Amino acid sequence: MTNLIIELSKYAFIILIALYTFLSFSVLKKRDQEEIDHGWRMQNFLTFLIHLLAYAVIYLKTGQLKFLVFYLLQFVLLQAVLVLTRVIYPMINQLVLNNMCFLLAVGFIILTRLNYDKAVRQFQMAAISLIFAMVIPVLVRKCLFLQNIPWIYGGAGLVILAAVAVFGDTTSGAKLSLNIGPVALQPSEFIKISFVFFVAARLAKSTVFKEVVLTTILAALHVIVLVLSKDLGGALLFFVTYLVMLYVATRKKIYFLAGMGAGCLAAYVAYFLFSHVRVRVLAWSNPFSVIDNEGYQITQSLFAIGTGRWFGMGLCQGSPNKIPVVDQDFAFSAIAEELGGIFAICLILICMSCFIMFVNIAMQIKNNFYKYTALGLGTMYGFQVFLTIGGAVKFIPSTGVTLPLISYGGSSLVSTIAMFAIIQGMYLLKEDEELKIEKERRAKKAKLAKARSKKIKTEKEKPE
């Protein structure tokens, strides 16, 4: 009976996530507010239905009560986030909020399946982060001085990255983390945000050649320090984000082309300088020729995705733990194996809807600092998703970055939740700008009407 339920659940998962994905795009076309609100409620319902079904399957497979207790804690957390956010910020972007909770739910499910202890730690970090994230939108909305301190963002970020390069602990050949007591932090995850703030503040202030050069120098120092730390995935994220922000701010193709040329040259040099890079390129170019060594991780990832095919093996029915570091670098492969290729494609589309909303919000904001910040955070998020999934399916060499909100990693989780909260703050600013414009328009209309009325009255009072 249990096997039958697990087998049927595969198709239920696919139907539910397909409906959720459809709503992520179709609701945006609707104009009736009642229909839109209904779409958001349906998304929440589908999220919790997938969440409930997944933990029911895990419980049936293991028979351990702790999984039901863990499910209830997650349900309370996600429900509280959805309700409290809507109460505190009625004008919040509902799609961004729904997608964040959905991705968190999927992350909890796959991590529980892979490693219960890590799932519990991830849940604890998510709970703490979501509490603090509640105040971020109002801080973004009210703290107007944020655009006036670019060198603090840039200088502090560079110093912290340099500290990691010198004193950091080495993981998989790269210096990524600093130990502060019992807590291991990966500072580059937080510097991503300060880096975007620095670049946005500088480009909003001026895009003349001299200022662009100064901004580029400090941005390049961030990338160089990351390269020296052998955090090549992080370096690539910073580089591409800066390039996109610079092009949008200046609209000069020469900057973009020069940046792409410099990036290609740097990648070529890095290949010969770092054995770490050569190993990853070898594992990507022909993993089956080195399947017992360098190519083992990527081949196991490909085997997992291929085994899952379209409909998946079923939750708890696959062997995702054969992939080294599956809960961090290859969570997408585990999802594709057990929940299927259709589920994985829908997950990509949901991540794309987040990116599209980030960029859409950026394009609608009038203030350049907030516009570039939203664009930078959106680019950082979207490109990180591309790097993670691209590495898992052998489209590009693996870079070791996590799938935001899904993969295991406290620093990544905290920084991504903060990014979503900052984007919500930007959205509120956009709403404030629109309300201000509408208020000014109405005031102007009222003034004209008053002047017209006064003129008519004056003409009537003139003697015949």
Protein backbone atom coordinates (compact mmCIF):
# COMPACT_ATOMS: atom_id res chain seq x y z
CA MET A 1 0.00 0.00 0.00
CA THR A 2 2.81 2.40 0.89
CA ASN A 3 4.55 1.74 -2.44
CA LEU A 4 1.31 2.43 -4.30
CA ILE A 5 0.84 5.76 -2.50
CA ILE A 6 4.46 6.76 -3.26
CA GLU A 7 4.01 5.78 -6.91
CA LEU A 8 0.81 7.83 -7.23
CA SER A 9 2.39 10.77 -5.38
CA LYS A 10 4.89 11.20 -8.24
CA TYR A 11 2.11 12.27 -10.57
CA ALA A 12 0.39 14.34 -7.92
CA PHE A 13 3.59 16.33 -7.34
CA ILE A 14 3.91 17.03 -11.06
CA ILE A 15 0.29 18.14 -11.45
CA LEU A 16 0.48 20.41 -8.40
CA ILE A 17 3.75 22.12 -9.34
CA ALA A 18 2.57 22.50 -12.94
CA LEU A 19 -0.53 24.33 -11.68
CA TYR A 20 1.59 26.51 -9.38
CA THR A 21 3.95 27.37 -12.25
CA PHE A 22 1.04 28.20 -14.56
CA LEU A 23 -0.37 30.59 -11.95
CA SER A 24 3.04 32.27 -11.54
CA PHE A 25 2.78 33.58 -15.09
CA SER A 26 -0.96 33.64 -15.88
CA VAL A 27 -1.97 35.74 -12.86
CA LEU A 28 0.24 38.58 -14.09
CA LYS A 29 -1.98 38.95 -17.18
CA LYS A 30 -5.18 39.36 -15.20
CA ARG A 31 -6.62 42.80 -14.51
CA ASP A 32 -9.42 41.99 -12.08
CA GLN A 33 -8.06 42.28 -8.52
CA GLU A 34 -10.41 39.60 -7.22
CA GLU A 35 -9.10 37.10 -9.79
CA ILE A 36 -5.51 38.04 -8.93
CA ASP A 37 -6.09 37.53 -5.20
CA HIS A 38 -7.72 34.17 -5.96
CA GLY A 39 -4.61 33.19 -7.93
CA TRP A 40 -2.35 34.04 -4.99
CA ARG A 41 -4.53 32.01 -2.62
CA MET A 42 -4.42 29.06 -5.00
CA GLN A 43 -0.63 29.26 -5.08
CA ASN A 44 -0.50 29.11 -1.28
CA PHE A 45 -2.91 26.16 -1.28
CA LEU A 46 -0.78 24.27 -3.82
CA THR A 47 2.40 25.00 -1.85
CA PHE A 48 0.99 23.54 1.34
CA LEU A 49 -0.55 20.59 -0.52
CA ILE A 50 2.84 19.65 -2.02
CA HIS A 51 4.44 20.17 1.39
CA LEU A 52 1.86 17.98 3.15
CA LEU A 53 2.00 15.22 0.53
CA ALA A 54 5.80 15.10 0.64
CA TYR A 55 5.99 14.70 4.40
CA ALA A 56 3.18 12.14 4.33
CA VAL A 57 5.30 10.09 1.92
CA ILE A 58 8.42 10.50 4.06
CA TYR A 59 6.48 9.43 7.15
CA LEU A 60 4.99 6.38 5.41
CA LYS A 61 8.44 5.40 4.18
CA THR A 62 10.23 5.83 7.54
CA GLY A 63 7.45 5.42 10.12
CA GLN A 64 9.18 8.00 12.35
CA LEU A 65 7.00 10.51 14.20
CA LYS A 66 9.75 13.16 14.23
CA PHE A 67 9.07 13.88 10.56
CA LEU A 68 5.43 14.78 11.28
CA VAL A 69 6.51 17.09 14.11
CA PHE A 70 9.07 18.68 11.80
CA TYR A 71 6.39 19.13 9.14
CA LEU A 72 4.09 20.92 11.61
CA LEU A 73 6.86 23.32 12.63
CA GLN A 74 7.51 24.16 8.99
CA PHE A 75 3.80 24.61 8.29
CA VAL A 76 3.47 27.07 11.19
CA LEU A 77 6.55 29.01 10.08
CA LEU A 78 5.53 29.34 6.42
CA GLN A 79 1.93 30.17 7.31
CA ALA A 80 3.10 32.82 9.79
CA VAL A 81 5.38 34.39 7.18
CA LEU A 82 2.59 34.60 4.60
CA VAL A 83 0.01 36.02 7.03
CA LEU A 84 2.24 38.44 8.96
CA THR A 85 3.90 39.82 5.84
CA ARG A 86 0.53 40.59 4.28
CA VAL A 87 -0.67 42.22 7.50
CA ILE A 88 2.46 44.35 8.03
CA TYR A 89 2.94 45.21 4.35
CA PRO A 90 -0.43 45.13 2.55
CA MET A 91 1.17 46.44 -0.67
CA ILE A 92 3.83 43.71 -0.81
CA ASN A 93 4.57 41.86 -4.06
CA GLN A 94 2.61 38.67 -3.51
CA LEU A 95 4.29 36.61 -6.24
CA VAL A 96 7.76 37.21 -4.82
CA LEU A 97 6.51 36.27 -1.35
CA ASN A 98 4.71 33.13 -2.58
CA ASN A 99 7.72 31.98 -4.60
CA MET A 100 10.08 32.45 -1.67
CA CYS A 101 7.87 30.31 0.56
CA PHE A 102 7.43 27.70 -2.16
CA LEU A 103 11.18 27.37 -2.75
CA LEU A 104 11.79 27.17 1.00
CA ALA A 105 9.21 24.38 1.24
CA VAL A 106 10.87 22.43 -1.59
CA GLY A 107 14.24 22.95 0.09
CA PHE A 108 12.95 21.60 3.41
CA ILE A 109 11.48 18.57 1.63
CA ILE A 110 14.60 17.55 -0.28
CA LEU A 111 16.95 18.24 2.65
CA THR A 112 14.76 16.17 4.98
CA ARG A 113 14.97 13.38 2.44
CA LEU A 114 18.76 13.68 2.18
CA ASN A 115 19.83 14.51 5.73
CA TYR A 116 17.36 15.14 8.56
CA ASP A 117 19.90 16.83 10.87
CA LYS A 118 20.93 19.29 8.17
CA ALA A 119 17.29 19.96 7.37
CA VAL A 120 16.66 20.86 11.02
CA ARG A 121 19.63 23.28 11.01
CA GLN A 122 18.39 24.80 7.75
CA PHE A 123 14.94 25.27 9.28
CA GLN A 124 16.39 26.98 12.34
CA MET A 125 18.39 29.40 10.18
CA ALA A 126 15.33 30.06 8.01
CA ALA A 127 13.17 30.84 11.05
CA ILE A 128 15.71 33.33 12.43
CA SER A 129 16.27 34.91 9.01
CA LEU A 130 12.58 35.30 8.26
CA ILE A 131 12.00 37.09 11.58
CA PHE A 132 14.72 39.64 10.82
CA ALA A 133 13.58 39.89 7.20
CA MET A 134 10.28 41.32 8.40
CA VAL A 135 11.96 44.63 9.21
CA ILE A 136 14.11 44.89 6.07
CA PRO A 137 11.41 46.31 3.73
CA VAL A 138 10.64 49.18 6.09
CA LEU A 139 14.36 49.91 6.54
CA VAL A 140 14.82 50.08 2.78
CA ARG A 141 11.74 52.25 2.52
CA LYS A 142 12.75 54.72 5.24
CA CYS A 143 16.58 54.79 5.29
CA LEU A 144 17.21 57.20 2.44
CA PHE A 145 20.89 57.59 3.39
CA LEU A 146 21.67 54.12 1.98
CA GLN A 147 22.61 55.63 -1.38
CA ASN A 148 25.04 58.10 0.19
CA ILE A 149 27.66 55.69 1.60
CA PRO A 150 29.04 53.70 -1.36
CA TRP A 151 32.63 53.58 -0.11
CA ILE A 152 31.52 52.03 3.18
CA TYR A 153 29.88 49.18 1.26
CA GLY A 154 32.86 48.73 -1.03
CA GLY A 155 35.59 49.16 1.57
CA ALA A 156 34.01 46.96 4.23
CA GLY A 157 33.24 44.22 1.71
CA LEU A 158 36.77 44.20 0.39
CA VAL A 159 38.31 44.04 3.86
CA ILE A 160 36.11 41.12 4.88
CA LEU A 161 36.86 39.20 1.68
CA ALA A 162 40.58 39.80 2.23
CA ALA A 163 40.26 38.47 5.79
CA VAL A 164 38.70 35.28 4.42
CA ALA A 165 41.50 34.95 1.86
CA VAL A 166 44.09 35.14 4.65
CA PHE A 167 42.43 33.51 7.65
CA GLY A 168 39.57 31.49 6.11
CA ASP A 169 39.10 27.74 6.29
CA THR A 170 39.67 25.76 3.11
CA THR A 171 36.76 23.75 1.71
CA SER A 172 37.13 21.75 -1.54
CA GLY A 173 40.27 23.68 -2.39
CA ALA A 174 38.80 27.16 -1.80
CA LYS A 175 38.90 29.51 1.17
CA LEU A 176 35.23 30.20 1.77
CA SER A 177 34.38 30.46 5.46
CA LEU A 178 35.38 32.05 8.75
CA ASN A 179 34.72 30.36 12.07
CA ILE A 180 33.23 32.67 14.69
CA GLY A 181 32.90 30.49 17.78
CA PRO A 182 30.74 27.50 16.91
CA VAL A 183 29.34 29.23 13.80
CA ALA A 184 30.95 28.95 10.36
CA LEU A 185 30.06 31.90 8.12
CA GLN A 186 30.64 32.29 4.40
CA PRO A 187 31.09 36.08 4.18
CA SER A 188 31.00 36.23 0.38
CA GLU A 189 27.28 35.40 0.56
CA PHE A 190 26.65 38.64 2.47
CA ILE A 191 29.20 40.68 0.54
CA LYS A 192 27.11 39.97 -2.57
CA ILE A 193 24.52 42.37 -1.18
CA SER A 194 26.98 45.08 -0.08
CA PHE A 195 28.71 44.77 -3.46
CA VAL A 196 25.45 45.46 -5.30
CA PHE A 197 24.72 48.41 -3.00
CA PHE A 198 28.21 49.81 -3.66
CA VAL A 199 27.95 49.54 -7.44
CA ALA A 200 24.39 50.90 -7.49
CA ALA A 201 25.29 53.91 -5.33
CA ARG A 202 28.35 54.74 -7.43
CA LEU A 203 26.59 54.39 -10.80
CA ALA A 204 23.55 56.32 -9.59
CA LYS A 205 25.83 59.19 -8.60
CA SER A 206 27.72 59.46 -11.88
CA THR A 207 28.55 57.49 -15.02
CA VAL A 208 31.27 59.76 -16.37
CA PHE A 209 34.44 57.92 -17.43
CA LYS A 210 36.54 58.86 -14.39
CA GLU A 211 33.90 57.70 -11.92
CA VAL A 212 33.31 54.49 -13.87
CA VAL A 213 37.03 53.72 -13.74
CA LEU A 214 37.15 54.20 -9.95
CA THR A 215 34.08 52.00 -9.50
CA THR A 216 35.52 49.35 -11.80
CA ILE A 217 38.81 49.27 -9.90
CA LEU A 218 37.16 48.52 -6.57
CA ALA A 219 34.74 46.04 -8.16
CA ALA A 220 37.69 44.30 -9.82
CA LEU A 221 39.49 44.09 -6.46
CA HIS A 222 36.48 42.18 -5.07
CA VAL A 223 36.73 39.71 -7.94
CA ILE A 224 40.52 39.37 -7.65
CA VAL A 225 40.37 38.63 -3.92
CA LEU A 226 37.74 35.95 -4.58
CA VAL A 227 39.94 34.44 -7.28
CA LEU A 228 42.91 34.39 -4.91
CA SER A 229 40.66 32.62 -2.39
CA LYS A 230 39.84 30.16 -5.22
CA ASP A 231 36.15 30.98 -4.82
CA LEU A 232 35.74 31.03 -8.58
CA GLY A 233 31.97 30.63 -8.54
CA GLY A 234 31.66 33.70 -6.32
CA ALA A 235 34.11 35.64 -8.49
CA LEU A 236 32.05 34.85 -11.59
CA LEU A 237 28.84 35.97 -9.85
CA PHE A 238 30.36 39.31 -8.84
CA PHE A 239 31.87 39.86 -12.28
CA VAL A 240 28.72 39.20 -14.31
CA THR A 241 26.54 41.22 -11.93
CA TYR A 242 28.85 44.23 -12.21
CA LEU A 243 28.97 43.94 -15.99
CA VAL A 244 25.17 43.91 -16.30
CA MET A 245 24.74 46.83 -13.89
CA LEU A 246 27.42 48.86 -15.68
CA TYR A 247 25.87 48.29 -19.09
CA VAL A 248 22.36 49.19 -17.94
CA ALA A 249 23.58 52.34 -16.16
CA THR A 250 25.83 53.64 -18.96
CA ARG A 251 24.18 52.01 -22.02
CA LYS A 252 27.63 51.82 -23.62
CA LYS A 253 28.30 48.61 -25.51
CA ILE A 254 32.04 49.24 -25.42
CA TYR A 255 32.08 48.75 -21.64
CA PHE A 256 30.17 45.49 -21.92
CA LEU A 257 32.36 44.15 -24.73
CA ALA A 258 35.56 45.19 -22.94
CA GLY A 259 34.33 43.48 -19.79
CA MET A 260 33.49 40.29 -21.66
CA GLY A 261 36.92 40.32 -23.27
CA ALA A 262 38.62 40.82 -19.92
CA GLY A 263 36.52 38.04 -18.42
CA CYS A 264 37.44 35.56 -21.17
CA LEU A 265 41.12 36.45 -20.80
CA ALA A 266 40.93 36.03 -17.01
CA ALA A 267 39.26 32.63 -17.42
CA TYR A 268 42.01 31.53 -19.81
CA VAL A 269 44.74 32.63 -17.40
CA ALA A 270 42.95 31.04 -14.42
CA TYR A 271 42.90 27.70 -16.24
CA PHE A 272 46.71 27.61 -16.27
CA LEU A 273 47.20 29.18 -12.83
CA PHE A 274 44.84 27.03 -10.77
CA SER A 275 44.74 23.25 -10.76
CA HIS A 276 41.31 23.63 -9.14
CA VAL A 277 40.01 25.12 -12.42
CA ARG A 278 41.66 22.49 -14.60
CA VAL A 279 40.07 19.70 -12.56
CA ARG A 280 36.59 21.18 -12.99
CA VAL A 281 37.08 21.77 -16.71
CA LEU A 282 38.30 18.20 -17.14
CA ALA A 283 35.34 16.87 -15.16
CA TRP A 284 33.01 18.91 -17.39
CA SER A 285 34.56 18.25 -20.79
CA ASN A 286 34.79 14.46 -20.52
CA PRO A 287 33.60 13.24 -17.11
CA PHE A 288 33.26 9.57 -18.12
CA SER A 289 36.96 9.35 -18.96
CA VAL A 290 37.77 10.19 -15.32
CA ILE A 291 34.66 8.71 -13.74
CA ASP A 292 36.56 7.24 -10.79
CA ASN A 293 38.17 10.55 -9.82
CA GLU A 294 37.54 14.07 -11.11
CA GLY A 295 34.39 13.15 -13.02
CA TYR A 296 32.71 11.10 -10.31
CA GLN A 297 30.49 13.88 -8.96
CA ILE A 298 29.16 15.11 -12.29
CA THR A 299 28.63 11.59 -13.67
CA GLN A 300 26.62 10.63 -10.59
CA SER A 301 24.58 13.79 -11.09
CA LEU A 302 23.89 12.85 -14.71
CA PHE A 303 23.02 9.29 -13.72
CA ALA A 304 20.56 10.63 -11.12
CA ILE A 305 18.86 12.99 -13.59
CA GLY A 306 18.72 10.27 -16.25
CA THR A 307 17.33 7.73 -13.81
CA GLY A 308 14.55 10.06 -12.74
CA ARG A 309 13.45 10.68 -16.34
CA TRP A 310 10.23 12.70 -16.70
CA PHE A 311 8.22 11.48 -13.72
CA GLY A 312 10.91 10.61 -11.17
CA MET A 313 11.66 7.55 -9.10
CA GLY A 314 9.38 8.74 -6.33
CA LEU A 315 10.29 10.52 -3.10
CA CYS A 316 12.60 8.31 -0.99
CA GLN A 317 12.86 5.82 -3.87
CA GLY A 318 16.08 7.01 -5.53
CA SER A 319 19.76 7.04 -4.54
CA PRO A 320 20.67 10.76 -4.51
CA ASN A 321 23.19 10.31 -1.67
CA LYS A 322 25.55 8.65 -4.16
CA ILE A 323 26.31 12.17 -5.41
CA PRO A 324 29.07 13.78 -3.30
CA VAL A 325 27.96 17.01 -1.56
CA VAL A 326 24.47 16.47 -2.99
CA ASP A 327 22.72 18.64 -0.40
CA GLN A 328 24.76 21.71 -1.40
CA ASP A 329 25.99 21.64 -5.00
CA PHE A 330 23.62 19.09 -6.55
CA ALA A 331 20.27 19.45 -4.79
CA PHE A 332 18.74 20.00 -8.22
CA SER A 333 19.94 16.56 -9.33
CA ALA A 334 18.35 14.94 -6.28
CA ILE A 335 15.05 16.69 -7.06
CA ALA A 336 15.20 15.59 -10.71
CA GLU A 337 15.90 11.98 -9.73
CA GLU A 338 13.10 11.53 -7.21
CA LEU A 339 10.48 14.06 -8.31
CA GLY A 340 11.16 13.92 -12.03
CA GLY A 341 12.31 16.04 -14.94
CA ILE A 342 8.93 17.77 -15.32
CA PHE A 343 9.03 18.82 -11.66
CA ALA A 344 12.62 20.07 -12.13
CA ILE A 345 11.69 22.09 -15.23
CA CYS A 346 8.77 23.68 -13.39
CA LEU A 347 11.17 24.55 -10.58
CA ILE A 348 13.43 26.32 -13.08
CA LEU A 349 10.43 28.26 -14.41
CA ILE A 350 9.49 29.34 -10.87
CA CYS A 351 13.04 30.60 -10.33
CA MET A 352 12.75 32.41 -13.66
CA SER A 353 9.51 34.06 -12.52
CA CYS A 354 11.40 35.40 -9.47
CA PHE A 355 14.11 36.82 -11.73
CA ILE A 356 11.54 38.35 -14.09
CA MET A 357 9.75 40.03 -11.19
CA PHE A 358 13.04 41.39 -9.80
CA VAL A 359 13.92 42.92 -13.17
CA ASN A 360 10.35 44.17 -13.68
CA ILE A 361 10.46 45.95 -10.31
CA ALA A 362 13.86 47.43 -11.20
CA MET A 363 12.60 48.82 -14.51
CA GLN A 364 9.62 50.53 -12.88
CA ILE A 365 11.53 52.35 -10.12
CA LYS A 366 12.37 55.98 -10.90
CA ASN A 367 15.23 56.45 -8.42
CA ASN A 368 18.41 55.18 -10.10
CA PHE A 369 20.01 53.85 -6.92
CA TYR A 370 17.07 51.61 -6.12
CA LYS A 371 16.65 50.70 -9.79
CA TYR A 372 20.27 49.51 -10.08
CA THR A 373 20.11 47.75 -6.71
CA ALA A 374 17.02 45.74 -7.71
CA LEU A 375 18.61 44.94 -11.06
CA GLY A 376 21.87 43.85 -9.42
CA LEU A 377 20.16 41.60 -6.88
CA GLY A 378 18.00 40.12 -9.61
CA THR A 379 21.04 39.42 -11.78
CA MET A 380 22.90 37.91 -8.82
CA TYR A 381 19.96 35.61 -8.07
CA GLY A 382 19.26 34.61 -11.67
CA PHE A 383 22.87 33.95 -12.56
CA GLN A 384 23.41 31.89 -9.40
CA VAL A 385 20.46 29.68 -10.38
CA PHE A 386 21.98 29.33 -13.86
CA LEU A 387 25.41 28.38 -12.48
CA THR A 388 23.99 25.78 -10.11
CA ILE A 389 21.64 24.07 -12.54
CA GLY A 390 24.04 24.47 -15.46
CA GLY A 391 26.74 22.68 -13.47
CA ALA A 392 24.37 19.91 -12.40
CA VAL A 393 23.31 19.09 -15.98
CA LYS A 394 26.86 19.50 -17.42
CA PHE A 395 25.92 22.57 -19.45
CA ILE A 396 28.83 24.44 -17.86
CA PRO A 397 31.64 23.40 -15.47
CA SER A 398 30.50 23.09 -11.87
CA THR A 399 31.19 26.25 -9.87
CA GLY A 400 30.21 25.04 -6.40
CA VAL A 401 27.50 27.64 -5.79
CA THR A 402 24.23 26.69 -4.10
CA LEU A 403 20.69 26.68 -5.46
CA PRO A 404 19.12 29.66 -3.61
CA LEU A 405 16.63 28.78 -0.85
CA ILE A 406 16.85 25.07 -1.66
CA SER A 407 20.43 23.85 -1.17
CA TYR A 408 21.87 23.40 2.31
CA GLY A 409 23.90 26.33 3.59
CA GLY A 410 23.10 28.80 6.34
CA SER A 411 24.95 31.78 4.90
CA SER A 412 23.42 31.29 1.46
CA LEU A 413 19.94 30.93 2.95
CA VAL A 414 20.22 34.04 5.12
CA SER A 415 21.60 36.21 2.32
CA THR A 416 18.97 35.04 -0.18
CA ILE A 417 16.09 35.71 2.22
CA ALA A 418 17.61 39.15 2.83
CA MET A 419 17.77 39.73 -0.95
CA PHE A 420 14.08 38.84 -1.32
CA ALA A 421 13.22 41.18 1.57
CA ILE A 422 15.25 44.02 0.02
CA ILE A 423 13.43 43.49 -3.28
CA GLN A 424 10.14 43.76 -1.39
CA GLY A 425 11.36 47.05 0.06
CA MET A 426 12.14 48.23 -3.48
CA TYR A 427 8.65 47.21 -4.56
CA LEU A 428 7.13 49.27 -1.74
CA LEU A 429 9.23 52.23 -2.88
CA LYS A 430 7.87 51.77 -6.39
CA GLU A 431 4.34 51.79 -4.97
CA ASP A 432 5.19 54.94 -2.99
CA GLU A 433 6.45 56.62 -6.18
CA GLU A 434 3.27 55.71 -8.04
CA LEU A 435 1.09 56.96 -5.19
CA LYS A 436 3.06 60.21 -5.08
CA ILE A 437 2.68 60.70 -8.84
CA GLU A 438 -1.03 59.93 -8.64
CA LYS A 439 -1.43 62.34 -5.70
CA GLU A 440 0.39 65.10 -7.60
CA ARG A 441 -1.75 64.42 -10.67
CA ARG A 442 -4.95 64.67 -8.63
CA ALA A 443 -3.73 67.85 -6.90
CA LYS A 444 -2.91 69.40 -10.26
CA LYS A 445 -6.29 68.37 -11.64
CA ALA A 446 -8.05 69.82 -8.59
CA LYS A 447 -6.07 73.05 -8.93
CA LEU A 448 -7.03 73.40 -12.60
CA ALA A 449 -10.66 72.68 -11.78
CA LYS A 450 -10.60 75.31 -9.03
CA ALA A 451 -9.00 77.86 -11.34
CA ARG A 452 -11.57 77.11 -14.04
CA SER A 453 -14.41 77.44 -11.54
CA LYS A 454 -13.03 80.76 -10.32
CA LYS A 455 -12.73 82.04 -13.88
CA ILE A 456 -16.34 81.10 -14.66
CA LYS A 457 -17.51 82.76 -11.46
CA THR A 458 -15.57 85.94 -12.30
CA GLU A 459 -17.08 86.10 -15.78
CA LYS A 460 -20.58 85.72 -14.37
CA GLU A 461 -20.01 88.59 -11.92
CA LYS A 462 -18.92 91.02 -14.69
CA PRO A 463 -21.54 93.75 -15.37
CA GLU A 464 -23.54 93.33 -18.59
